[in-house]
Amino acid sequence: MINPSQHKPDRIKGAAPAPPPEPMDPEHARRMTWVRQVRLMHRSKRMLGFAGIVLGACMVVWARLSPSEAPPWAQYAGFGILTLSWLVFIYVIIDRGRWIKNNPYKPGG
């Protein structure tokens, strides 16, 4: 009996065979490594800023839509969290841009 999880047909009947994979260009690999490094910079700060923006927006909406249930400080705290979170995002964008300017990608080695 054939185990479906182990059965992988080589090709579909009537379909052309797949071309062999092209070898990875070393220059392309270096460039992708550099791009990956830039994308990973300040990742935790970006995620923290995103979570803060969502939390702050939820607090402001909660305070505005149900003022009788929300405590009086909820709206101010929401705006404060939104402000701090956007400042973190702006810092990350500026710092990554500064790093890219000081460490541009140099093709060819």
N, C-alpha and C. Protein backbone atom coordinates (compact mmCIF):
# COMPACT_ATOMS: atom_id res chain seq x y z
N MET A 1 0.83 -1.18 0.00
CA MET A 1 0.00 0.00 0.00
C MET A 1 0.88 1.25 0.00
N ILE A 2 0.47 2.28 -0.71
CA ILE A 2 1.24 3.51 -0.83
C ILE A 2 0.86 4.44 0.32
N ASN A 3 1.87 4.95 0.99
CA ASN A 3 1.65 5.93 2.04
C ASN A 3 1.52 7.31 1.37
N PRO A 4 0.36 7.96 1.48
CA PRO A 4 0.17 9.24 0.77
C PRO A 4 1.16 10.32 1.19
N SER A 5 1.63 10.30 2.43
CA SER A 5 2.56 11.34 2.85
C SER A 5 3.94 11.15 2.23
N GLN A 6 4.25 9.94 1.77
CA GLN A 6 5.54 9.69 1.16
C GLN A 6 5.47 9.69 -0.36
N HIS A 7 4.28 9.67 -0.91
CA HIS A 7 4.12 9.59 -2.36
C HIS A 7 4.13 10.99 -2.96
N LYS A 8 5.15 11.26 -3.72
CA LYS A 8 5.25 12.54 -4.41
C LYS A 8 5.53 12.24 -5.87
N PRO A 9 4.54 12.40 -6.73
CA PRO A 9 4.78 12.09 -8.14
C PRO A 9 5.83 13.01 -8.73
N ASP A 10 6.66 12.44 -9.59
CA ASP A 10 7.72 13.23 -10.21
C ASP A 10 7.16 14.28 -11.16
N ARG A 11 6.14 13.90 -11.87
CA ARG A 11 5.53 14.87 -12.76
C ARG A 11 4.12 14.43 -13.10
N ILE A 12 3.34 15.37 -13.53
CA ILE A 12 1.96 15.11 -13.91
C ILE A 12 1.97 14.57 -15.33
N LYS A 13 1.09 13.61 -15.60
CA LYS A 13 1.03 13.03 -16.94
C LYS A 13 0.72 14.12 -17.97
N GLY A 14 1.47 14.14 -19.03
CA GLY A 14 1.23 15.09 -20.10
C GLY A 14 1.92 16.43 -19.89
N ALA A 15 2.52 16.65 -18.73
CA ALA A 15 3.18 17.93 -18.47
C ALA A 15 4.64 17.83 -18.88
N ALA A 16 5.19 18.95 -19.24
CA ALA A 16 6.61 18.98 -19.62
C ALA A 16 7.46 18.83 -18.37
N PRO A 17 8.63 18.23 -18.49
CA PRO A 17 9.49 18.10 -17.32
C PRO A 17 9.98 19.48 -16.86
N ALA A 18 10.18 19.59 -15.58
CA ALA A 18 10.63 20.86 -15.01
C ALA A 18 12.08 21.10 -15.41
N PRO A 19 12.42 22.35 -15.72
CA PRO A 19 13.82 22.64 -16.07
C PRO A 19 14.69 22.50 -14.83
N PRO A 20 15.96 22.18 -15.01
CA PRO A 20 16.83 22.06 -13.83
C PRO A 20 16.99 23.43 -13.17
N PRO A 21 17.08 23.46 -11.85
CA PRO A 21 17.21 24.76 -11.17
C PRO A 21 18.53 25.43 -11.54
N GLU A 22 18.45 26.74 -11.73
CA GLU A 22 19.65 27.50 -12.08
C GLU A 22 20.51 27.67 -10.84
N PRO A 23 21.82 27.63 -10.99
CA PRO A 23 22.68 27.82 -9.82
C PRO A 23 22.52 29.25 -9.29
N MET A 24 22.61 29.39 -7.99
CA MET A 24 22.45 30.70 -7.35
C MET A 24 23.65 31.58 -7.66
N ASP A 25 23.39 32.76 -8.15
CA ASP A 25 24.43 33.72 -8.43
C ASP A 25 25.02 34.20 -7.10
N PRO A 26 26.34 34.16 -6.92
CA PRO A 26 26.91 34.58 -5.62
C PRO A 26 26.65 36.06 -5.32
N GLU A 27 26.62 36.89 -6.35
CA GLU A 27 26.34 38.31 -6.12
C GLU A 27 24.91 38.50 -5.62
N HIS A 28 23.98 37.75 -6.20
CA HIS A 28 22.59 37.82 -5.75
C HIS A 28 22.47 37.33 -4.30
N ALA A 29 23.19 36.28 -3.96
CA ALA A 29 23.16 35.77 -2.59
C ALA A 29 23.72 36.81 -1.61
N ARG A 30 24.80 37.50 -1.99
CA ARG A 30 25.35 38.54 -1.11
C ARG A 30 24.35 39.68 -0.93
N ARG A 31 23.70 40.06 -2.03
CA ARG A 31 22.73 41.16 -1.95
C ARG A 31 21.55 40.78 -1.05
N MET A 32 21.06 39.55 -1.20
CA MET A 32 19.94 39.11 -0.39
C MET A 32 20.32 39.00 1.09
N THR A 33 21.57 38.65 1.37
CA THR A 33 22.04 38.63 2.76
C THR A 33 22.04 40.04 3.33
N TRP A 34 22.50 41.01 2.55
CA TRP A 34 22.51 42.40 3.00
C TRP A 34 21.08 42.90 3.25
N VAL A 35 20.17 42.59 2.32
CA VAL A 35 18.77 43.02 2.47
C VAL A 35 18.16 42.36 3.71
N ARG A 36 18.44 41.08 3.92
CA ARG A 36 17.91 40.37 5.09
C ARG A 36 18.43 41.02 6.39
N GLN A 37 19.70 41.43 6.39
CA GLN A 37 20.28 42.08 7.56
C GLN A 37 19.56 43.41 7.84
N VAL A 38 19.28 44.17 6.79
CA VAL A 38 18.57 45.45 6.98
C VAL A 38 17.16 45.20 7.50
N ARG A 39 16.49 44.20 6.98
CA ARG A 39 15.12 43.92 7.41
C ARG A 39 15.05 43.45 8.85
N LEU A 40 16.09 42.77 9.33
CA LEU A 40 16.09 42.26 10.70
C LEU A 40 16.47 43.31 11.73
N MET A 41 16.99 44.45 11.27
CA MET A 41 17.38 45.50 12.22
C MET A 41 16.15 46.01 12.97
N HIS A 42 16.27 46.11 14.27
CA HIS A 42 15.22 46.66 15.14
C HIS A 42 13.89 45.92 15.01
N ARG A 43 13.93 44.65 14.73
CA ARG A 43 12.68 43.91 14.53
C ARG A 43 11.83 43.92 15.80
N SER A 44 12.45 43.71 16.96
CA SER A 44 11.67 43.68 18.20
C SER A 44 11.06 45.06 18.49
N LYS A 45 11.78 46.13 18.17
CA LYS A 45 11.24 47.47 18.38
C LYS A 45 10.06 47.73 17.44
N ARG A 46 10.18 47.25 16.20
CA ARG A 46 9.07 47.42 15.26
C ARG A 46 7.83 46.68 15.73
N MET A 47 8.01 45.45 16.19
CA MET A 47 6.87 44.66 16.68
C MET A 47 6.27 45.29 17.93
N LEU A 48 7.12 45.80 18.81
CA LEU A 48 6.63 46.48 20.01
C LEU A 48 5.85 47.74 19.62
N GLY A 49 6.36 48.49 18.65
CA GLY A 49 5.66 49.68 18.18
C GLY A 49 4.32 49.33 17.55
N PHE A 50 4.29 48.27 16.76
CA PHE A 50 3.04 47.84 16.14
C PHE A 50 2.02 47.43 17.20
N ALA A 51 2.46 46.64 18.17
CA ALA A 51 1.55 46.22 19.24
C ALA A 51 1.05 47.42 20.04
N GLY A 52 1.93 48.39 20.27
CA GLY A 52 1.53 49.60 20.98
C GLY A 52 0.51 50.41 20.20
N ILE A 53 0.67 50.50 18.90
CA ILE A 53 -0.29 51.24 18.07
C ILE A 53 -1.65 50.57 18.13
N VAL A 54 -1.67 49.24 18.02
CA VAL A 54 -2.95 48.52 18.09
C VAL A 54 -3.59 48.70 19.46
N LEU A 55 -2.79 48.54 20.52
CA LEU A 55 -3.31 48.69 21.88
C LEU A 55 -3.82 50.11 22.13
N GLY A 56 -3.03 51.11 21.74
CA GLY A 56 -3.44 52.50 21.93
C GLY A 56 -4.71 52.84 21.17
N ALA A 57 -4.80 52.37 19.93
CA ALA A 57 -6.01 52.63 19.14
C ALA A 57 -7.22 51.95 19.76
N CYS A 58 -7.05 50.73 20.25
CA CYS A 58 -8.16 50.04 20.91
C CYS A 58 -8.61 50.79 22.17
N MET A 59 -7.65 51.30 22.92
CA MET A 59 -8.01 52.04 24.14
C MET A 59 -8.76 53.32 23.81
N VAL A 60 -8.31 54.03 22.77
CA VAL A 60 -8.99 55.27 22.39
C VAL A 60 -10.40 54.97 21.89
N VAL A 61 -10.55 53.95 21.07
CA VAL A 61 -11.88 53.58 20.56
C VAL A 61 -12.78 53.16 21.71
N TRP A 62 -12.25 52.37 22.64
CA TRP A 62 -13.03 51.93 23.79
C TRP A 62 -13.48 53.13 24.63
N ALA A 63 -12.57 54.08 24.86
CA ALA A 63 -12.92 55.25 25.67
C ALA A 63 -13.93 56.15 24.95
N ARG A 64 -13.84 56.22 23.63
CA ARG A 64 -14.75 57.08 22.89
C ARG A 64 -16.14 56.46 22.70
N LEU A 65 -16.18 55.15 22.47
CA LEU A 65 -17.46 54.51 22.17
C LEU A 65 -18.25 54.11 23.41
N SER A 66 -17.58 53.92 24.52
CA SER A 66 -18.31 53.58 25.76
C SER A 66 -17.75 54.39 26.92
N PRO A 67 -18.04 55.69 26.93
CA PRO A 67 -17.46 56.55 27.98
C PRO A 67 -17.98 56.21 29.38
N SER A 68 -19.15 55.58 29.48
CA SER A 68 -19.66 55.25 30.81
C SER A 68 -18.95 54.04 31.40
N GLU A 69 -18.46 53.13 30.55
CA GLU A 69 -17.79 51.92 31.04
C GLU A 69 -16.28 52.13 31.18
N ALA A 70 -15.69 52.95 30.33
CA ALA A 70 -14.24 53.16 30.35
C ALA A 70 -13.85 54.11 31.47
N PRO A 71 -12.72 53.85 32.11
CA PRO A 71 -12.25 54.78 33.13
C PRO A 71 -11.81 56.10 32.49
N PRO A 72 -11.79 57.17 33.25
CA PRO A 72 -11.46 58.48 32.66
C PRO A 72 -10.05 58.57 32.09
N TRP A 73 -9.13 57.76 32.57
CA TRP A 73 -7.76 57.82 32.11
C TRP A 73 -7.53 57.03 30.82
N ALA A 74 -8.49 56.24 30.37
CA ALA A 74 -8.29 55.34 29.23
C ALA A 74 -7.96 56.10 27.95
N GLN A 75 -8.65 57.19 27.70
CA GLN A 75 -8.41 57.94 26.47
C GLN A 75 -7.01 58.57 26.49
N TYR A 76 -6.63 59.16 27.62
CA TYR A 76 -5.31 59.79 27.71
C TYR A 76 -4.19 58.75 27.62
N ALA A 77 -4.40 57.61 28.26
CA ALA A 77 -3.41 56.54 28.18
C ALA A 77 -3.31 56.01 26.75
N GLY A 78 -4.44 55.88 26.06
CA GLY A 78 -4.43 55.42 24.67
C GLY A 78 -3.66 56.37 23.77
N PHE A 79 -3.90 57.67 23.92
CA PHE A 79 -3.17 58.64 23.12
C PHE A 79 -1.68 58.64 23.48
N GLY A 80 -1.36 58.45 24.75
CA GLY A 80 0.04 58.38 25.16
C GLY A 80 0.74 57.17 24.56
N ILE A 81 0.08 56.03 24.60
CA ILE A 81 0.66 54.81 24.01
C ILE A 81 0.82 54.97 22.50
N LEU A 82 -0.18 55.56 21.85
CA LEU A 82 -0.07 55.82 20.41
C LEU A 82 1.12 56.72 20.09
N THR A 83 1.30 57.76 20.86
CA THR A 83 2.41 58.69 20.63
C THR A 83 3.75 58.00 20.79
N LEU A 84 3.92 57.27 21.89
CA LEU A 84 5.19 56.57 22.11
C LEU A 84 5.46 55.52 21.03
N SER A 85 4.42 54.81 20.61
CA SER A 85 4.59 53.78 19.60
C SER A 85 4.99 54.37 18.26
N TRP A 86 4.37 55.49 17.89
CA TRP A 86 4.75 56.12 16.63
C TRP A 86 6.16 56.69 16.71
N LEU A 87 6.57 57.17 17.87
CA LEU A 87 7.94 57.65 18.03
C LEU A 87 8.94 56.51 17.86
N VAL A 88 8.60 55.34 18.37
CA VAL A 88 9.47 54.17 18.18
C VAL A 88 9.57 53.83 16.70
N PHE A 89 8.44 53.83 15.99
CA PHE A 89 8.46 53.55 14.55
C PHE A 89 9.32 54.58 13.81
N ILE A 90 9.17 55.84 14.12
CA ILE A 90 9.95 56.89 13.45
C ILE A 90 11.44 56.71 13.75
N TYR A 91 11.78 56.37 15.00
CA TYR A 91 13.18 56.12 15.35
C TYR A 91 13.76 54.98 14.53
N VAL A 92 13.01 53.90 14.39
CA VAL A 92 13.48 52.74 13.64
C VAL A 92 13.71 53.10 12.18
N ILE A 93 12.79 53.84 11.58
CA ILE A 93 12.94 54.23 10.18
C ILE A 93 14.16 55.11 9.99
N ILE A 94 14.36 56.08 10.87
CA ILE A 94 15.51 56.98 10.76
C ILE A 94 16.81 56.22 10.99
N ASP A 95 16.84 55.34 12.00
CA ASP A 95 18.07 54.62 12.30
C ASP A 95 18.44 53.64 11.18
N ARG A 96 17.45 52.96 10.61
CA ARG A 96 17.74 52.05 9.50
C ARG A 96 18.23 52.85 8.28
N GLY A 97 17.63 53.98 8.01
CA GLY A 97 18.09 54.82 6.90
C GLY A 97 19.50 55.32 7.12
N ARG A 98 19.82 55.69 8.36
CA ARG A 98 21.18 56.14 8.69
C ARG A 98 22.18 54.99 8.50
N TRP A 99 21.80 53.78 8.93
CA TRP A 99 22.69 52.63 8.78
C TRP A 99 22.92 52.31 7.31
N ILE A 100 21.86 52.38 6.50
CA ILE A 100 21.98 52.10 5.07
C ILE A 100 22.88 53.14 4.41
N LYS A 101 22.76 54.39 4.83
CA LYS A 101 23.60 55.44 4.26
C LYS A 101 25.07 55.22 4.61
N ASN A 102 25.35 54.76 5.83
CA ASN A 102 26.72 54.52 6.27
C ASN A 102 27.27 53.19 5.79
N ASN A 103 26.41 52.23 5.46
CA ASN A 103 26.83 50.89 5.02
C ASN A 103 26.11 50.51 3.73
N PRO A 104 26.32 51.23 2.64
CA PRO A 104 25.59 50.89 1.42
C PRO A 104 26.07 49.55 0.87
N TYR A 105 25.21 48.96 0.07
CA TYR A 105 25.57 47.69 -0.56
C TYR A 105 26.61 47.96 -1.62
N LYS A 106 27.72 47.22 -1.57
CA LYS A 106 28.79 47.40 -2.54
C LYS A 106 28.92 46.13 -3.37
N PRO A 107 28.46 46.17 -4.62
CA PRO A 107 28.57 44.96 -5.44
C PRO A 107 30.01 44.65 -5.79
N GLY A 108 30.25 43.37 -5.98
CA GLY A 108 31.56 42.95 -6.45
C GLY A 108 32.57 42.65 -5.37
N GLY A 109 32.17 42.54 -4.14
CA GLY A 109 33.14 42.12 -3.13
C GLY A 109 33.38 43.13 -2.12
